[in-house]
Amino acid sequence: MALPKELRLEREKIREILKKGKKAKIKFLVFQFRESNLKNSKFAIMVSLKVSKKAVVRNKIRRRISEILREIAKKLKKQLEIVVITLPGIENLSFSELKESIEIFFKDIGAL
């Protein structure tokens, strides 16, 4: 299932974050982010054709990441705007490995 509307970033904000945001890379994920003063953290997920030519595989990855972000959003200490960019190879990770990678990122930046 997709992220709820209140957790999604708008296109203009995605462009701003991609240009001016901080960058972190863990395994097959690149996080571009910045702190915000909004009520909720907001997210965008980008899965390109380079990851897989098959839409079924790309959508599966997107659904897994959005589910993990939905759970983590409730626990965050600070509000962030985050664009998650996937890299080729992510399709081979299990759900638990993916979740672990995302949690490591949030712990590294002090948000969990």
Foldseek 3Di string as FASTA:
>chain_A
DAAPPVQADDPVVVVVQVVDFDWDDFDFKIKGKDFDPDPFAHEAEAEDCQQDVDPVLSVVVNVLVNVLCVVVRVVWPGHMHMYIYGHHPVSPDDSVVVSVRVVVVCVVVPGD
